């Protein structure tokens, strides 16, 4: 998944979260808290694994 898409989706979740806080609507706040959390995890995993080389079995 492209990193820019992950960043855009995480930023969108943050903006919707603050909009939900502004309205005082938990039906907007709660799902976007999860979206922000999973977005941050996805970005961290991207940077952890972006330079990993594939394992080729059968080579010595």
C-alpha atoms as a PDB file:
ATOM      1  CA  UNK A   1       0.000   0.000   0.000  1.00  0.00           C
ATOM      2  CA  UNK A   2       1.470   3.395  -0.902  1.00  0.00           C
ATOM      3  CA  UNK A   3       2.642   5.477   2.052  1.00  0.00           C
ATOM      4  CA  UNK A   4       0.928   8.627   0.769  1.00  0.00           C
ATOM      5  CA  UNK A   5      -2.433   6.862   0.798  1.00  0.00           C
ATOM      6  CA  UNK A   6      -1.831   5.734   4.386  1.00  0.00           C
ATOM      7  CA  UNK A   7      -0.896   9.269   5.416  1.00  0.00           C
ATOM      8  CA  UNK A   8      -3.955  10.751   3.710  1.00  0.00           C
ATOM      9  CA  UNK A   9      -6.315   8.251   5.346  1.00  0.00           C
ATOM     10  CA  UNK A  10      -4.753   8.856   8.770  1.00  0.00           C
ATOM     11  CA  UNK A  11      -5.013  12.624   8.337  1.00  0.00           C
ATOM     12  CA  UNK A  12      -8.651  12.218   7.295  1.00  0.00           C
ATOM     13  CA  UNK A  13      -9.378  10.173  10.428  1.00  0.00           C
ATOM     14  CA  UNK A  14      -7.764  12.885  12.579  1.00  0.00           C
ATOM     15  CA  UNK A  15      -9.852  15.635  10.965  1.00  0.00           C
ATOM     16  CA  UNK A  16     -13.094  13.650  11.333  1.00  0.00           C
ATOM     17  CA  UNK A  17     -12.149  12.923  14.964  1.00  0.00           C
ATOM     18  CA  UNK A  18     -11.823  16.612  15.773  1.00  0.00           C
ATOM     19  CA  UNK A  19     -15.035  17.370  13.889  1.00  0.00           C
ATOM     20  CA  UNK A  20     -16.793  14.771  16.041  1.00  0.00           C
ATOM     21  CA  UNK A  21     -15.334  16.341  19.178  1.00  0.00           C
ATOM     22  CA  UNK A  22     -16.516  19.761  18.016  1.00  0.00           C
ATOM     23  CA  UNK A  23     -20.056  18.416  17.582  1.00  0.00           C
ATOM     24  CA  UNK A  24     -19.866  16.254  20.692  1.00  0.00           C
ATOM     25  CA  UNK A  25     -20.892  13.213  18.637  1.00  0.00           C
ATOM     26  CA  UNK A  26     -19.408   9.941  19.871  1.00  0.00           C
ATOM     27  CA  UNK A  27     -20.652   8.162  16.743  1.00  0.00           C
ATOM     28  CA  UNK A  28     -18.052  10.139  14.785  1.00  0.00           C
ATOM     29  CA  UNK A  29     -15.325  10.215  17.441  1.00  0.00           C
ATOM     30  CA  UNK A  30     -15.069   6.502  18.275  1.00  0.00           C
ATOM     31  CA  UNK A  31     -14.638   5.056  14.757  1.00  0.00           C
ATOM     32  CA  UNK A  32     -12.101   7.704  13.853  1.00  0.00           C
ATOM     33  CA  UNK A  33     -10.115   7.023  17.010  1.00  0.00           C
ATOM     34  CA  UNK A  34      -9.760   3.474  15.735  1.00  0.00           C
ATOM     35  CA  UNK A  35      -8.947   4.740  12.228  1.00  0.00           C
ATOM     36  CA  UNK A  36      -6.223   7.014  13.561  1.00  0.00           C
ATOM     37  CA  UNK A  37      -4.766   4.229  15.720  1.00  0.00           C
ATOM     38  CA  UNK A  38      -4.693   1.685  12.907  1.00  0.00           C
ATOM     39  CA  UNK A  39      -3.323   4.319  10.523  1.00  0.00           C
ATOM     40  CA  UNK A  40      -0.389   5.059  12.818  1.00  0.00           C
ATOM     41  CA  UNK A  41       0.288   1.326  13.185  1.00  0.00           C
ATOM     42  CA  UNK A  42       0.187   0.922   9.407  1.00  0.00           C
ATOM     43  CA  UNK A  43       2.659   3.774   8.874  1.00  0.00           C
ATOM     44  CA  UNK A  44       5.016   2.356  11.511  1.00  0.00           C
ATOM     45  CA  UNK A  45       4.874  -1.085   9.882  1.00  0.00           C
ATOM     46  CA  UNK A  46       5.560   0.478   6.491  1.00  0.00           C
ATOM     47  CA  UNK A  47       8.783   2.079   7.713  1.00  0.00           C
ATOM     48  CA  UNK A  48       9.852  -1.053   9.596  1.00  0.00           C
ATOM     49  CA  UNK A  49       9.446  -3.356   6.588  1.00  0.00           C
ATOM     50  CA  UNK A  50      10.025  -1.081   3.583  1.00  0.00           C
ATOM     51  CA  UNK A  51      13.665  -2.127   3.010  1.00  0.00           C
ATOM     52  CA  UNK A  52      13.351  -5.828   3.826  1.00  0.00           C
ATOM     53  CA  UNK A  53      14.730  -8.193   1.207  1.00  0.00           C
ATOM     54  CA  UNK A  54      12.670 -11.273   0.333  1.00  0.00           C
ATOM     55  CA  UNK A  55      13.980 -14.592   1.590  1.00  0.00           C
ATOM     56  CA  UNK A  56      14.939 -16.924  -1.259  1.00  0.00           C
ATOM     57  CA  UNK A  57      14.936 -20.540  -0.107  1.00  0.00           C
ATOM     58  CA  UNK A  58      17.256 -23.114  -1.581  1.00  0.00           C
ATOM     59  CA  UNK A  59      20.241 -20.787  -1.936  1.00  0.00           C
ATOM     60  CA  UNK A  60      23.391 -21.302   0.063  1.00  0.00           C
END
